[in-house]
Amino acid sequence: MSHHTHGHPTVSAKPMSRRNLLQALAASSVAVGLGAFAAPTAASALAAPAALPGALSTASGGARLVPVNRIGIQLFTIRDKVSSLGFRAVFEELARIGYSEVEFAGYTQGQVGAITPAQIRQLLDDNGLRAVGSHATLNPGNIDAQIETAKILGMPFLGQGGAIASGRMDSAWVTAAQTWNAMGVKAKAAGLKLYTHTHDGEWNWTTNADGSPTTRRPYDVMWDEFDPELVAFEMDIYWAYVGRHKFPGFEPIDYLKRDPRRFPLVHLKDGKLNPNIANGYDIIEFGAGDIPYQQILAELQRNRGQRFGMYEQDNASSTAAGGNPLNSLGNADRSYAQIAALRG
């Protein structure tokens, strides 16, 4: 694969976000009030990241593989900034970068202080951002409250970040899936759809009561047991590739193609091959890894179905590719550019 550096020295070199478009219109049509637009915020004053050398090559021409109004971010990626700067500054920076969608990983902002879901919703609206989903820990005891919060934030999906069952017992996964269907009835009545996010463990084999392996994986149990009208999947493509490395015998793309409608969300998390670790891949910012996203997303484009692509990087605050300074929002900026540049 050939590589080139995708530089974006100025914001205007990227697709203009709605927030920047509004600012540009205001600046061009009226001189009065210009000072309000010129005043930097804590987030926008952050140093612009350098371009990423050796970035993922993108085909010139062709349709975008992830439409710019469908590029989202799982806020777990920048949890350190949410905690230190707060939702307001973070949302302003995400809008400046060009993100349209956010997926929550909790509704608190650390040392910045208390905030209500209604206040978070106002900040989303102020910055032209849409809440798509959330990683909560769902159970029959809290599902009603979680649904209410999701409705306030305006999200169409409500999900969970961790596994729905513990261990590998096949029957435990069946029971968990049935519980999720029951919660999914409540979500559907409220105009929402539940979804589950998965890691590598869901690609192992389940076991019988005597501990012997079965012929299906937890992912297969969920596929068989979930009512597709009530519970959807969010494949974390990085963790699926780790699962493929650790528990071979499947291709992630085959699940995605089997019924694309069951994957309204996917996690665009990149990984760099590392044969020296058990996972086989190190998590890295998007475009700097070895997971074949060009091929995967081109294949998905050929299958119908609207899909939310959520960039996520678990270690964005502690790693940076290409010699860039450590800054999770810098990783988010470079990753956005790489996702936006992908063409079929």
C-alpha atoms as a PDB file:
ATOM      1  CA  MET A   1       0.000   0.000   0.000  1.00  0.00           C
ATOM      2  CA  SER A   2       1.320   3.429  -0.924  1.00  0.00           C
ATOM      3  CA  HIS A   3       1.302   6.107   1.738  1.00  0.00           C
ATOM      4  CA  HIS A   4       1.094   9.839   1.701  1.00  0.00           C
ATOM      5  CA  THR A   5       0.806  12.559   4.282  1.00  0.00           C
ATOM      6  CA  HIS A   6      -2.655  14.038   4.545  1.00  0.00           C
ATOM      7  CA  GLY A   7      -1.922  17.516   5.783  1.00  0.00           C
ATOM      8  CA  HIS A   8      -4.620  19.893   6.937  1.00  0.00           C
ATOM      9  CA  PRO A   9      -2.845  23.056   8.095  1.00  0.00           C
ATOM     10  CA  THR A  10      -6.054  25.062   8.329  1.00  0.00           C
ATOM     11  CA  VAL A  11      -9.597  24.237   9.297  1.00  0.00           C
ATOM     12  CA  SER A  12     -10.869  25.504   5.938  1.00  0.00           C
ATOM     13  CA  ALA A  13      -8.954  22.740   4.149  1.00  0.00           C
ATOM     14  CA  LYS A  14     -11.402  20.261   5.661  1.00  0.00           C
ATOM     15  CA  PRO A  15     -15.164  20.013   5.094  1.00  0.00           C
ATOM     16  CA  MET A  16     -16.615  23.009   6.877  1.00  0.00           C
ATOM     17  CA  SER A  17     -18.556  22.099   9.985  1.00  0.00           C
ATOM     18  CA  ARG A  18     -21.976  23.640  10.489  1.00  0.00           C
ATOM     19  CA  ARG A  19     -20.563  25.788  13.274  1.00  0.00           C
ATOM     20  CA  ASN A  20     -17.772  27.123  11.048  1.00  0.00           C
ATOM     21  CA  LEU A  21     -20.205  27.652   8.190  1.00  0.00           C
ATOM     22  CA  LEU A  22     -22.441  29.766  10.398  1.00  0.00           C
ATOM     23  CA  GLN A  23     -19.431  31.739  11.606  1.00  0.00           C
ATOM     24  CA  ALA A  24     -18.180  32.288   8.074  1.00  0.00           C
ATOM     25  CA  LEU A  25     -21.605  33.514   6.930  1.00  0.00           C
ATOM     26  CA  ALA A  26     -21.850  35.860   9.873  1.00  0.00           C
ATOM     27  CA  ALA A  27     -18.342  37.199   9.336  1.00  0.00           C
ATOM     28  CA  SER A  28     -18.870  37.774   5.625  1.00  0.00           C
ATOM     29  CA  SER A  29     -22.253  39.493   5.898  1.00  0.00           C
ATOM     30  CA  VAL A  30     -21.875  41.652   8.988  1.00  0.00           C
ATOM     31  CA  ALA A  31     -18.913  43.337  10.603  1.00  0.00           C
ATOM     32  CA  VAL A  32     -20.743  44.042  13.841  1.00  0.00           C
ATOM     33  CA  GLY A  33     -20.161  41.378  16.482  1.00  0.00           C
ATOM     34  CA  LEU A  34     -17.017  40.045  14.827  1.00  0.00           C
ATOM     35  CA  GLY A  35     -15.239  40.161  18.153  1.00  0.00           C
ATOM     36  CA  ALA A  36     -17.505  37.456  19.543  1.00  0.00           C
ATOM     37  CA  PHE A  37     -16.432  35.079  16.812  1.00  0.00           C
ATOM     38  CA  ALA A  38     -12.767  36.014  17.096  1.00  0.00           C
ATOM     39  CA  ALA A  39     -12.553  35.319  20.831  1.00  0.00           C
ATOM     40  CA  PRO A  40     -10.841  31.969  21.298  1.00  0.00           C
ATOM     41  CA  THR A  41     -12.267  29.368  23.639  1.00  0.00           C
ATOM     42  CA  ALA A  42     -10.178  27.166  25.895  1.00  0.00           C
ATOM     43  CA  ALA A  43     -10.601  24.287  23.459  1.00  0.00           C
ATOM     44  CA  SER A  44     -10.074  26.158  20.191  1.00  0.00           C
ATOM     45  CA  ALA A  45      -6.900  27.685  21.596  1.00  0.00           C
ATOM     46  CA  LEU A  46      -5.352  24.215  21.762  1.00  0.00           C
ATOM     47  CA  ALA A  47      -2.373  23.858  19.484  1.00  0.00           C
ATOM     48  CA  ALA A  48      -3.269  22.584  16.023  1.00  0.00           C
ATOM     49  CA  PRO A  49      -1.865  19.089  15.533  1.00  0.00           C
ATOM     50  CA  ALA A  50       0.785  18.361  12.974  1.00  0.00           C
ATOM     51  CA  ALA A  51      -0.109  16.210   9.990  1.00  0.00           C
ATOM     52  CA  LEU A  52       0.330  12.495  10.405  1.00  0.00           C
ATOM     53  CA  PRO A  53       3.177  11.051   8.333  1.00  0.00           C
ATOM     54  CA  GLY A  54       2.699   7.669   6.726  1.00  0.00           C
ATOM     55  CA  ALA A  55      -1.059   7.991   6.934  1.00  0.00           C
ATOM     56  CA  LEU A  56      -3.592   5.669   5.362  1.00  0.00           C
ATOM     57  CA  SER A  57      -3.640   6.093   1.602  1.00  0.00           C
ATOM     58  CA  THR A  58      -6.959   7.164   0.114  1.00  0.00           C
ATOM     59  CA  ALA A  59      -8.232   6.726  -3.402  1.00  0.00           C
ATOM     60  CA  SER A  60      -8.806   9.944  -5.290  1.00  0.00           C
ATOM     61  CA  GLY A  61     -12.320  10.422  -6.561  1.00  0.00           C
ATOM     62  CA  GLY A  62     -15.251   8.195  -5.753  1.00  0.00           C
ATOM     63  CA  ALA A  63     -17.844   8.563  -3.039  1.00  0.00           C
ATOM     64  CA  ARG A  64     -16.820   9.111   0.552  1.00  0.00           C
ATOM     65  CA  LEU A  65     -16.833   5.840   2.429  1.00  0.00           C
ATOM     66  CA  VAL A  66     -18.035   7.634   5.562  1.00  0.00           C
ATOM     67  CA  PRO A  67     -20.159  10.706   4.761  1.00  0.00           C
ATOM     68  CA  VAL A  68     -18.954  13.740   6.702  1.00  0.00           C
ATOM     69  CA  ASN A  69     -22.359  14.126   8.346  1.00  0.00           C
ATOM     70  CA  ARG A  70     -21.957  10.583   9.696  1.00  0.00           C
ATOM     71  CA  ILE A  71     -18.519  10.869  11.289  1.00  0.00           C
ATOM     72  CA  GLY A  72     -18.847  10.523  15.031  1.00  0.00           C
ATOM     73  CA  ILE A  73     -16.674  10.026  18.094  1.00  0.00           C
ATOM     74  CA  GLN A  74     -17.072   7.903  21.192  1.00  0.00           C
ATOM     75  CA  LEU A  75     -16.330  10.366  23.994  1.00  0.00           C
ATOM     76  CA  PHE A  76     -14.378   7.698  25.901  1.00  0.00           C
ATOM     77  CA  THR A  77     -11.609   8.611  23.431  1.00  0.00           C
ATOM     78  CA  ILE A  78     -11.253  12.085  24.930  1.00  0.00           C
ATOM     79  CA  ARG A  79     -12.453  11.339  28.461  1.00  0.00           C
ATOM     80  CA  ASP A  80      -9.459  13.191  29.897  1.00  0.00           C
ATOM     81  CA  LYS A  81     -10.573  16.371  28.106  1.00  0.00           C
ATOM     82  CA  VAL A  82     -14.201  15.962  29.152  1.00  0.00           C
ATOM     83  CA  SER A  83     -12.963  15.696  32.734  1.00  0.00           C
ATOM     84  CA  SER A  84     -10.519  18.623  32.582  1.00  0.00           C
ATOM     85  CA  LEU A  85     -12.257  21.017  30.139  1.00  0.00           C
ATOM     86  CA  GLY A  86     -15.919  19.989  30.378  1.00  0.00           C
ATOM     87  CA  PHE A  87     -18.545  19.234  27.759  1.00  0.00           C
ATOM     88  CA  ARG A  88     -18.860  22.825  26.531  1.00  0.00           C
ATOM     89  CA  ALA A  89     -15.218  23.243  25.504  1.00  0.00           C
ATOM     90  CA  VAL A  90     -14.991  19.692  24.160  1.00  0.00           C
ATOM     91  CA  PHE A  91     -18.130  20.047  22.025  1.00  0.00           C
ATOM     92  CA  GLU A  92     -16.850  23.357  20.631  1.00  0.00           C
ATOM     93  CA  GLU A  93     -13.599  21.682  19.612  1.00  0.00           C
ATOM     94  CA  LEU A  94     -15.326  18.626  18.102  1.00  0.00           C
ATOM     95  CA  ALA A  95     -17.567  20.920  16.054  1.00  0.00           C
ATOM     96  CA  ARG A  96     -14.527  22.894  14.898  1.00  0.00           C
ATOM     97  CA  ILE A  97     -12.857  19.683  13.769  1.00  0.00           C
ATOM     98  CA  GLY A  98     -15.985  18.696  11.839  1.00  0.00           C
ATOM     99  CA  TYR A  99     -17.555  15.875  13.846  1.00  0.00           C
ATOM    100  CA  SER A 100     -21.341  15.616  13.555  1.00  0.00           C
ATOM    101  CA  GLU A 101     -22.138  12.791  15.989  1.00  0.00           C
ATOM    102  CA  VAL A 102     -21.170  11.895  19.532  1.00  0.00           C
ATOM    103  CA  GLU A 103     -21.566   8.703  21.509  1.00  0.00           C
ATOM    104  CA  PHE A 104     -21.533   9.123  25.272  1.00  0.00           C
ATOM    105  CA  ALA A 105     -19.494   7.221  27.851  1.00  0.00           C
ATOM    106  CA  GLY A 106     -21.138   8.746  30.896  1.00  0.00           C
ATOM    107  CA  TYR A 107     -22.807  12.069  31.631  1.00  0.00           C
ATOM    108  CA  THR A 108     -20.362  13.659  34.077  1.00  0.00           C
ATOM    109  CA  GLN A 109     -17.512  16.107  33.472  1.00  0.00           C
ATOM    110  CA  GLY A 110     -15.102  15.430  36.304  1.00  0.00           C
ATOM    111  CA  GLN A 111     -13.661  18.423  38.080  1.00  0.00           C
ATOM    112  CA  VAL A 112     -15.548  20.887  35.871  1.00  0.00           C
ATOM    113  CA  GLY A 113     -18.676  20.409  37.981  1.00  0.00           C
ATOM    114  CA  ALA A 114     -22.194  19.055  37.985  1.00  0.00           C
ATOM    115  CA  ILE A 115     -24.229  19.136  34.775  1.00  0.00           C
ATOM    116  CA  THR A 116     -27.678  17.807  33.908  1.00  0.00           C
ATOM    117  CA  PRO A 117     -28.679  15.849  30.791  1.00  0.00           C
ATOM    118  CA  ALA A 118     -30.819  18.839  29.735  1.00  0.00           C
ATOM    119  CA  GLN A 119     -27.784  21.118  29.993  1.00  0.00           C
ATOM    120  CA  ILE A 120     -25.699  18.647  27.980  1.00  0.00           C
ATOM    121  CA  ARG A 121     -28.431  18.563  25.319  1.00  0.00           C
ATOM    122  CA  GLN A 122     -28.330  22.368  25.091  1.00  0.00           C
ATOM    123  CA  LEU A 123     -24.562  22.266  24.543  1.00  0.00           C
ATOM    124  CA  LEU A 124     -25.002  19.650  21.809  1.00  0.00           C
ATOM    125  CA  ASP A 125     -27.598  21.818  20.066  1.00  0.00           C
ATOM    126  CA  ASP A 126     -25.452  24.946  20.468  1.00  0.00           C
ATOM    127  CA  ASN A 127     -22.626  23.219  18.593  1.00  0.00           C
ATOM    128  CA  GLY A 128     -24.665  21.460  15.921  1.00  0.00           C
ATOM    129  CA  LEU A 129     -23.841  18.013  17.311  1.00  0.00           C
ATOM    130  CA  ARG A 130     -26.173  15.017  17.515  1.00  0.00           C
ATOM    131  CA  ALA A 131     -26.137  12.370  20.217  1.00  0.00           C
ATOM    132  CA  VAL A 132     -26.287   8.989  18.479  1.00  0.00           C
ATOM    133  CA  GLY A 133     -25.917   6.563  21.372  1.00  0.00           C
ATOM    134  CA  SER A 134     -24.404   5.911  24.743  1.00  0.00           C
ATOM    135  CA  HIS A 135     -22.356   3.288  26.531  1.00  0.00           C
ATOM    136  CA  ALA A 136     -24.167   2.759  29.803  1.00  0.00           C
ATOM    137  CA  THR A 137     -24.466  -0.324  31.986  1.00  0.00           C
ATOM    138  CA  LEU A 138     -28.038  -1.452  31.427  1.00  0.00           C
ATOM    139  CA  ASN A 139     -30.155  -3.720  33.602  1.00  0.00           C
ATOM    140  CA  PRO A 140     -33.871  -4.137  34.340  1.00  0.00           C
ATOM    141  CA  GLY A 141     -33.476  -1.963  37.440  1.00  0.00           C
ATOM    142  CA  ASN A 142     -32.148   1.121  35.646  1.00  0.00           C
ATOM    143  CA  ILE A 143     -33.482   0.787  32.111  1.00  0.00           C
ATOM    144  CA  ASP A 144     -36.377   3.217  32.636  1.00  0.00           C
ATOM    145  CA  ALA A 145     -34.092   5.959  33.955  1.00  0.00           C
ATOM    146  CA  GLN A 146     -31.512   5.323  31.215  1.00  0.00           C
ATOM    147  CA  ILE A 147     -34.230   5.600  28.569  1.00  0.00           C
ATOM    148  CA  GLU A 148     -35.388   8.925  30.004  1.00  0.00           C
ATOM    149  CA  THR A 149     -31.849  10.332  29.867  1.00  0.00           C
ATOM    150  CA  ALA A 150     -31.418   9.076  26.303  1.00  0.00           C
ATOM    151  CA  LYS A 151     -34.657  10.798  25.277  1.00  0.00           C
ATOM    152  CA  ILE A 152     -33.535  14.104  26.811  1.00  0.00           C
ATOM    153  CA  LEU A 153     -30.266  13.875  24.856  1.00  0.00           C
ATOM    154  CA  GLY A 154     -32.156  13.039  21.658  1.00  0.00           C
ATOM    155  CA  MET A 155     -30.291   9.838  20.812  1.00  0.00           C
ATOM    156  CA  PRO A 156     -31.890   7.120  18.642  1.00  0.00           C
ATOM    157  CA  PHE A 157     -29.818   4.316  20.210  1.00  0.00           C
ATOM    158  CA  LEU A 158     -28.964   3.298  23.768  1.00  0.00           C
ATOM    159  CA  GLY A 159     -26.165   0.815  24.344  1.00  0.00           C
ATOM    160  CA  GLN A 160     -23.667  -0.775  26.664  1.00  0.00           C
ATOM    161  CA  GLY A 161     -19.899  -0.753  26.443  1.00  0.00           C
ATOM    162  CA  GLY A 162     -19.163  -4.000  28.281  1.00  0.00           C
ATOM    163  CA  ALA A 163     -20.264  -7.580  27.720  1.00  0.00           C
ATOM    164  CA  ILE A 164     -23.909  -8.436  28.439  1.00  0.00           C
ATOM    165  CA  ALA A 165     -22.897 -11.668  30.225  1.00  0.00           C
ATOM    166  CA  SER A 166     -19.902 -12.803  32.251  1.00  0.00           C
ATOM    167  CA  GLY A 167     -17.986 -15.988  31.562  1.00  0.00           C
ATOM    168  CA  ARG A 168     -18.440 -18.275  28.577  1.00  0.00           C
ATOM    169  CA  MET A 169     -21.380 -20.466  29.586  1.00  0.00           C
ATOM    170  CA  ASP A 170     -23.688 -20.688  26.591  1.00  0.00           C
ATOM    171  CA  SER A 171     -26.813 -20.679  28.738  1.00  0.00           C
ATOM    172  CA  ALA A 172     -25.712 -17.478  30.500  1.00  0.00           C
ATOM    173  CA  TRP A 173     -25.468 -15.685  27.163  1.00  0.00           C
ATOM    174  CA  VAL A 174     -28.891 -16.971  26.112  1.00  0.00           C
ATOM    175  CA  THR A 175     -30.415 -15.701  29.367  1.00  0.00           C
ATOM    176  CA  ALA A 176     -28.689 -12.325  29.015  1.00  0.00           C
ATOM    177  CA  ALA A 177     -29.937 -11.945  25.452  1.00  0.00           C
ATOM    178  CA  GLN A 178     -33.499 -12.650  26.582  1.00  0.00           C
ATOM    179  CA  THR A 179     -33.155  -9.989  29.293  1.00  0.00           C
ATOM    180  CA  TRP A 180     -31.978  -7.539  26.644  1.00  0.00           C
ATOM    181  CA  ASN A 181     -34.963  -8.340  24.453  1.00  0.00           C
ATOM    182  CA  ALA A 182     -37.243  -7.529  27.390  1.00  0.00           C
ATOM    183  CA  MET A 183     -35.458  -4.211  27.978  1.00  0.00           C
ATOM    184  CA  GLY A 184     -35.595  -3.630  24.227  1.00  0.00           C
ATOM    185  CA  VAL A 185     -39.408  -3.718  24.333  1.00  0.00           C
ATOM    186  CA  LYS A 186     -39.325  -0.750  26.727  1.00  0.00           C
ATOM    187  CA  ALA A 187     -36.785   1.071  24.580  1.00  0.00           C
ATOM    188  CA  LYS A 188     -38.831   0.553  21.435  1.00  0.00           C
ATOM    189  CA  ALA A 189     -41.941   1.917  23.153  1.00  0.00           C
ATOM    190  CA  ALA A 190     -39.917   5.055  23.896  1.00  0.00           C
ATOM    191  CA  GLY A 191     -38.726   5.364  20.287  1.00  0.00           C
ATOM    192  CA  LEU A 192     -35.222   4.000  20.956  1.00  0.00           C
ATOM    193  CA  LYS A 193     -33.294   0.891  20.028  1.00  0.00           C
ATOM    194  CA  LEU A 194     -30.844  -0.924  22.261  1.00  0.00           C
ATOM    195  CA  TYR A 195     -27.412  -2.000  21.033  1.00  0.00           C
ATOM    196  CA  THR A 196     -24.453  -3.908  22.354  1.00  0.00           C
ATOM    197  CA  HIS A 197     -20.774  -3.055  21.867  1.00  0.00           C
ATOM    198  CA  THR A 198     -18.359  -5.975  21.873  1.00  0.00           C
ATOM    199  CA  HIS A 199     -14.714  -6.712  22.629  1.00  0.00           C
ATOM    200  CA  ASP A 200     -12.589  -9.775  21.844  1.00  0.00           C
ATOM    201  CA  GLY A 201     -14.168 -12.124  24.397  1.00  0.00           C
ATOM    202  CA  GLU A 202     -17.404 -12.352  22.414  1.00  0.00           C
ATOM    203  CA  TRP A 203     -15.436 -14.116  19.663  1.00  0.00           C
ATOM    204  CA  ASN A 204     -14.263 -16.969  21.881  1.00  0.00           C
ATOM    205  CA  TRP A 205     -16.283 -20.196  22.013  1.00  0.00           C
ATOM    206  CA  THR A 206     -19.069 -20.602  24.534  1.00  0.00           C
ATOM    207  CA  THR A 207     -19.009 -23.649  26.814  1.00  0.00           C
ATOM    208  CA  ASN A 208     -21.452 -26.326  27.896  1.00  0.00           C
ATOM    209  CA  ALA A 209     -22.285 -26.888  31.555  1.00  0.00           C
ATOM    210  CA  ASP A 210     -19.349 -29.307  31.841  1.00  0.00           C
ATOM    211  CA  GLY A 211     -16.912 -26.692  30.538  1.00  0.00           C
ATOM    212  CA  SER A 212     -16.450 -28.235  27.096  1.00  0.00           C
ATOM    213  CA  PRO A 213     -16.557 -25.780  24.193  1.00  0.00           C
ATOM    214  CA  THR A 214     -19.640 -25.506  22.013  1.00  0.00           C
ATOM    215  CA  THR A 215     -19.632 -24.847  18.279  1.00  0.00           C
ATOM    216  CA  ARG A 216     -20.742 -21.226  18.576  1.00  0.00           C
ATOM    217  CA  ARG A 217     -19.322 -17.981  19.860  1.00  0.00           C
ATOM    218  CA  PRO A 218     -21.070 -15.522  22.215  1.00  0.00           C
ATOM    219  CA  TYR A 219     -21.489 -13.287  19.153  1.00  0.00           C
ATOM    220  CA  ASP A 220     -23.425 -16.117  17.499  1.00  0.00           C
ATOM    221  CA  VAL A 221     -25.614 -16.568  20.583  1.00  0.00           C
ATOM    222  CA  MET A 222     -26.526 -12.880  20.500  1.00  0.00           C
ATOM    223  CA  TRP A 223     -27.085 -13.065  16.748  1.00  0.00           C
ATOM    224  CA  ASP A 224     -29.489 -15.975  17.198  1.00  0.00           C
ATOM    225  CA  GLU A 225     -31.244 -14.769  20.350  1.00  0.00           C
ATOM    226  CA  PHE A 226     -31.617 -10.999  19.919  1.00  0.00           C
ATOM    227  CA  ASP A 227     -34.851  -9.837  18.334  1.00  0.00           C
ATOM    228  CA  PRO A 228     -33.462  -7.681  15.482  1.00  0.00           C
ATOM    229  CA  GLU A 229     -36.343  -5.265  15.963  1.00  0.00           C
ATOM    230  CA  LEU A 230     -35.316  -4.644  19.576  1.00  0.00           C
ATOM    231  CA  VAL A 231     -31.531  -5.017  19.884  1.00  0.00           C
ATOM    232  CA  ALA A 232     -28.829  -4.052  17.374  1.00  0.00           C
ATOM    233  CA  PHE A 233     -25.056  -4.498  17.225  1.00  0.00           C
ATOM    234  CA  GLU A 234     -22.204  -2.012  17.298  1.00  0.00           C
ATOM    235  CA  MET A 235     -19.186  -3.912  16.062  1.00  0.00           C
ATOM    236  CA  ASP A 236     -15.904  -2.580  17.387  1.00  0.00           C
ATOM    237  CA  ILE A 237     -13.878  -3.515  14.323  1.00  0.00           C
ATOM    238  CA  TYR A 238     -10.564  -3.356  16.183  1.00  0.00           C
ATOM    239  CA  TRP A 239     -11.731  -5.812  18.849  1.00  0.00           C
ATOM    240  CA  ALA A 240     -13.209  -8.057  16.161  1.00  0.00           C
ATOM    241  CA  TYR A 241      -9.736  -8.252  14.588  1.00  0.00           C
ATOM    242  CA  VAL A 242      -8.234  -9.050  17.982  1.00  0.00           C
ATOM    243  CA  GLY A 243     -10.858 -11.782  18.300  1.00  0.00           C
ATOM    244  CA  ARG A 244      -9.921 -13.059  14.834  1.00  0.00           C
ATOM    245  CA  HIS A 245      -6.280 -13.166  15.962  1.00  0.00           C
ATOM    246  CA  LYS A 246      -6.988 -14.970  19.243  1.00  0.00           C
ATOM    247  CA  PHE A 247      -9.911 -17.180  18.184  1.00  0.00           C
ATOM    248  CA  PRO A 248      -9.487 -17.667  14.409  1.00  0.00           C
ATOM    249  CA  GLY A 249     -12.006 -19.094  12.016  1.00  0.00           C
ATOM    250  CA  PHE A 250     -14.128 -16.058  11.111  1.00  0.00           C
ATOM    251  CA  GLU A 251     -13.872 -12.785   9.233  1.00  0.00           C
ATOM    252  CA  PRO A 252     -15.448  -9.676  10.801  1.00  0.00           C
ATOM    253  CA  ILE A 253     -16.642  -8.464   7.400  1.00  0.00           C
ATOM    254  CA  ASP A 254     -18.731 -11.631   6.987  1.00  0.00           C
ATOM    255  CA  TYR A 255     -20.807 -10.713  10.033  1.00  0.00           C
ATOM    256  CA  LEU A 256     -21.192  -7.125   8.833  1.00  0.00           C
ATOM    257  CA  LYS A 257     -22.330  -8.305   5.396  1.00  0.00           C
ATOM    258  CA  ARG A 258     -24.668 -11.013   6.712  1.00  0.00           C
ATOM    259  CA  ASP A 259     -27.266  -8.399   7.600  1.00  0.00           C
ATOM    260  CA  PRO A 260     -25.969  -4.811   7.486  1.00  0.00           C
ATOM    261  CA  ARG A 261     -29.201  -3.516   9.013  1.00  0.00           C
ATOM    262  CA  ARG A 262     -28.241  -5.146  12.306  1.00  0.00           C
ATOM    263  CA  PHE A 263     -25.150  -2.881  12.514  1.00  0.00           C
ATOM    264  CA  PRO A 264     -26.454   0.697  12.638  1.00  0.00           C
ATOM    265  CA  LEU A 265     -23.262   1.690  14.448  1.00  0.00           C
ATOM    266  CA  VAL A 266     -19.658   0.582  14.072  1.00  0.00           C
ATOM    267  CA  HIS A 267     -16.546   1.611  15.979  1.00  0.00           C
ATOM    268  CA  LEU A 268     -13.799   2.861  13.688  1.00  0.00           C
ATOM    269  CA  LYS A 269     -10.868   1.928  15.913  1.00  0.00           C
ATOM    270  CA  ASP A 270      -7.528   1.255  14.263  1.00  0.00           C
ATOM    271  CA  GLY A 271      -4.838  -1.214  15.302  1.00  0.00           C
ATOM    272  CA  LYS A 272      -1.184  -1.670  14.374  1.00  0.00           C
ATOM    273  CA  LEU A 273       0.075  -5.236  14.057  1.00  0.00           C
ATOM    274  CA  ASN A 274       2.232  -6.299  16.994  1.00  0.00           C
ATOM    275  CA  PRO A 275       3.159 -10.010  17.088  1.00  0.00           C
ATOM    276  CA  ASN A 276       4.712  -9.577  20.528  1.00  0.00           C
ATOM    277  CA  ILE A 277       1.447  -9.086  22.411  1.00  0.00           C
ATOM    278  CA  ALA A 278      -1.468 -11.437  22.975  1.00  0.00           C
ATOM    279  CA  ASN A 279      -3.976  -9.160  21.242  1.00  0.00           C
ATOM    280  CA  GLY A 280      -1.873  -9.065  18.063  1.00  0.00           C
ATOM    281  CA  TYR A 281      -2.563  -5.346  17.587  1.00  0.00           C
ATOM    282  CA  ASP A 282      -1.802  -2.108  19.421  1.00  0.00           C
ATOM    283  CA  ILE A 283      -4.595   0.472  19.486  1.00  0.00           C
ATOM    284  CA  ILE A 284      -3.569   3.533  17.481  1.00  0.00           C
ATOM    285  CA  GLU A 285      -5.175   6.614  15.969  1.00  0.00           C
ATOM    286  CA  PHE A 286      -7.209   6.075  12.816  1.00  0.00           C
ATOM    287  CA  GLY A 287      -5.197   5.748   9.628  1.00  0.00           C
ATOM    288  CA  ALA A 288      -1.931   4.825  11.320  1.00  0.00           C
ATOM    289  CA  GLY A 289      -2.769   1.141  11.717  1.00  0.00           C
ATOM    290  CA  ASP A 290      -3.073  -2.055   9.708  1.00  0.00           C
ATOM    291  CA  ILE A 291      -6.788  -2.868   9.840  1.00  0.00           C
ATOM    292  CA  PRO A 292      -8.007  -2.768   6.203  1.00  0.00           C
ATOM    293  CA  TYR A 293     -10.639  -0.058   6.614  1.00  0.00           C
ATOM    294  CA  GLN A 294     -10.578   0.942   2.956  1.00  0.00           C
ATOM    295  CA  GLN A 295     -11.632  -2.591   2.021  1.00  0.00           C
ATOM    296  CA  ILE A 296     -14.082  -3.016   4.900  1.00  0.00           C
ATOM    297  CA  LEU A 297     -15.883   0.278   4.375  1.00  0.00           C
ATOM    298  CA  ALA A 298     -15.952  -0.119   0.594  1.00  0.00           C
ATOM    299  CA  GLU A 299     -17.635  -3.491   1.102  1.00  0.00           C
ATOM    300  CA  LEU A 300     -20.141  -1.981   3.511  1.00  0.00           C
ATOM    301  CA  GLN A 301     -20.902   0.834   1.064  1.00  0.00           C
ATOM    302  CA  ARG A 302     -22.084  -1.801  -1.400  1.00  0.00           C
ATOM    303  CA  ASN A 303     -24.584  -3.010   1.170  1.00  0.00           C
ATOM    304  CA  ARG A 304     -27.520  -0.757   1.893  1.00  0.00           C
ATOM    305  CA  GLY A 305     -28.130   0.662   5.306  1.00  0.00           C
ATOM    306  CA  GLN A 306     -27.465   3.974   7.001  1.00  0.00           C
ATOM    307  CA  ARG A 307     -24.620   3.605   9.432  1.00  0.00           C
ATOM    308  CA  PHE A 308     -22.982   5.751  12.095  1.00  0.00           C
ATOM    309  CA  GLY A 309     -19.196   5.460  12.089  1.00  0.00           C
ATOM    310  CA  MET A 310     -17.802   6.278  15.504  1.00  0.00           C
ATOM    311  CA  TYR A 311     -14.068   6.914  15.884  1.00  0.00           C
ATOM    312  CA  GLU A 312     -12.749   5.491  19.148  1.00  0.00           C
ATOM    313  CA  GLN A 313      -9.250   5.211  20.562  1.00  0.00           C
ATOM    314  CA  ASP A 314      -8.925   3.890  24.101  1.00  0.00           C
ATOM    315  CA  ASN A 315      -5.392   5.267  24.610  1.00  0.00           C
ATOM    316  CA  ALA A 316      -5.648   8.633  22.819  1.00  0.00           C
ATOM    317  CA  SER A 317      -4.419  10.589  25.825  1.00  0.00           C
ATOM    318  CA  SER A 318      -1.237   8.536  26.198  1.00  0.00           C
ATOM    319  CA  THR A 319      -0.138   7.800  22.614  1.00  0.00           C
ATOM    320  CA  ALA A 320       0.307   9.900  19.487  1.00  0.00           C
ATOM    321  CA  ALA A 321       1.436   8.772  16.060  1.00  0.00           C
ATOM    322  CA  GLY A 322       4.010  10.495  13.894  1.00  0.00           C
ATOM    323  CA  GLY A 323       5.841  12.262  16.695  1.00  0.00           C
ATOM    324  CA  ASN A 324       2.851  14.476  17.486  1.00  0.00           C
ATOM    325  CA  PRO A 325       2.452  15.820  21.030  1.00  0.00           C
ATOM    326  CA  LEU A 326       0.263  13.878  23.446  1.00  0.00           C
ATOM    327  CA  ASN A 327      -3.220  15.390  23.145  1.00  0.00           C
ATOM    328  CA  SER A 328      -6.321  13.251  22.749  1.00  0.00           C
ATOM    329  CA  LEU A 329      -8.087  16.046  20.843  1.00  0.00           C
ATOM    330  CA  GLY A 330      -5.127  16.176  18.450  1.00  0.00           C
ATOM    331  CA  ASN A 331      -5.623  12.450  17.795  1.00  0.00           C
ATOM    332  CA  ALA A 332      -9.321  13.134  17.243  1.00  0.00           C
ATOM    333  CA  ASP A 333      -8.467  15.880  14.749  1.00  0.00           C
ATOM    334  CA  ARG A 334      -6.052  13.750  12.711  1.00  0.00           C
ATOM    335  CA  SER A 335      -8.369  10.728  12.841  1.00  0.00           C
ATOM    336  CA  TYR A 336     -11.293  12.797  11.580  1.00  0.00           C
ATOM    337  CA  ALA A 337      -9.208  13.912   8.603  1.00  0.00           C
ATOM    338  CA  GLN A 338      -8.261  10.314   7.804  1.00  0.00           C
ATOM    339  CA  ILE A 339     -11.850   9.064   8.025  1.00  0.00           C
ATOM    340  CA  ALA A 340     -13.175  11.966   5.945  1.00  0.00           C
ATOM    341  CA  ALA A 341     -10.564  11.319   3.244  1.00  0.00           C
ATOM    342  CA  LEU A 342     -11.529   7.665   2.686  1.00  0.00           C
ATOM    343  CA  ARG A 343     -13.095   7.197  -0.734  1.00  0.00           C
ATOM    344  CA  GLY A 344     -14.393   4.189  -2.586  1.00  0.00           C
END
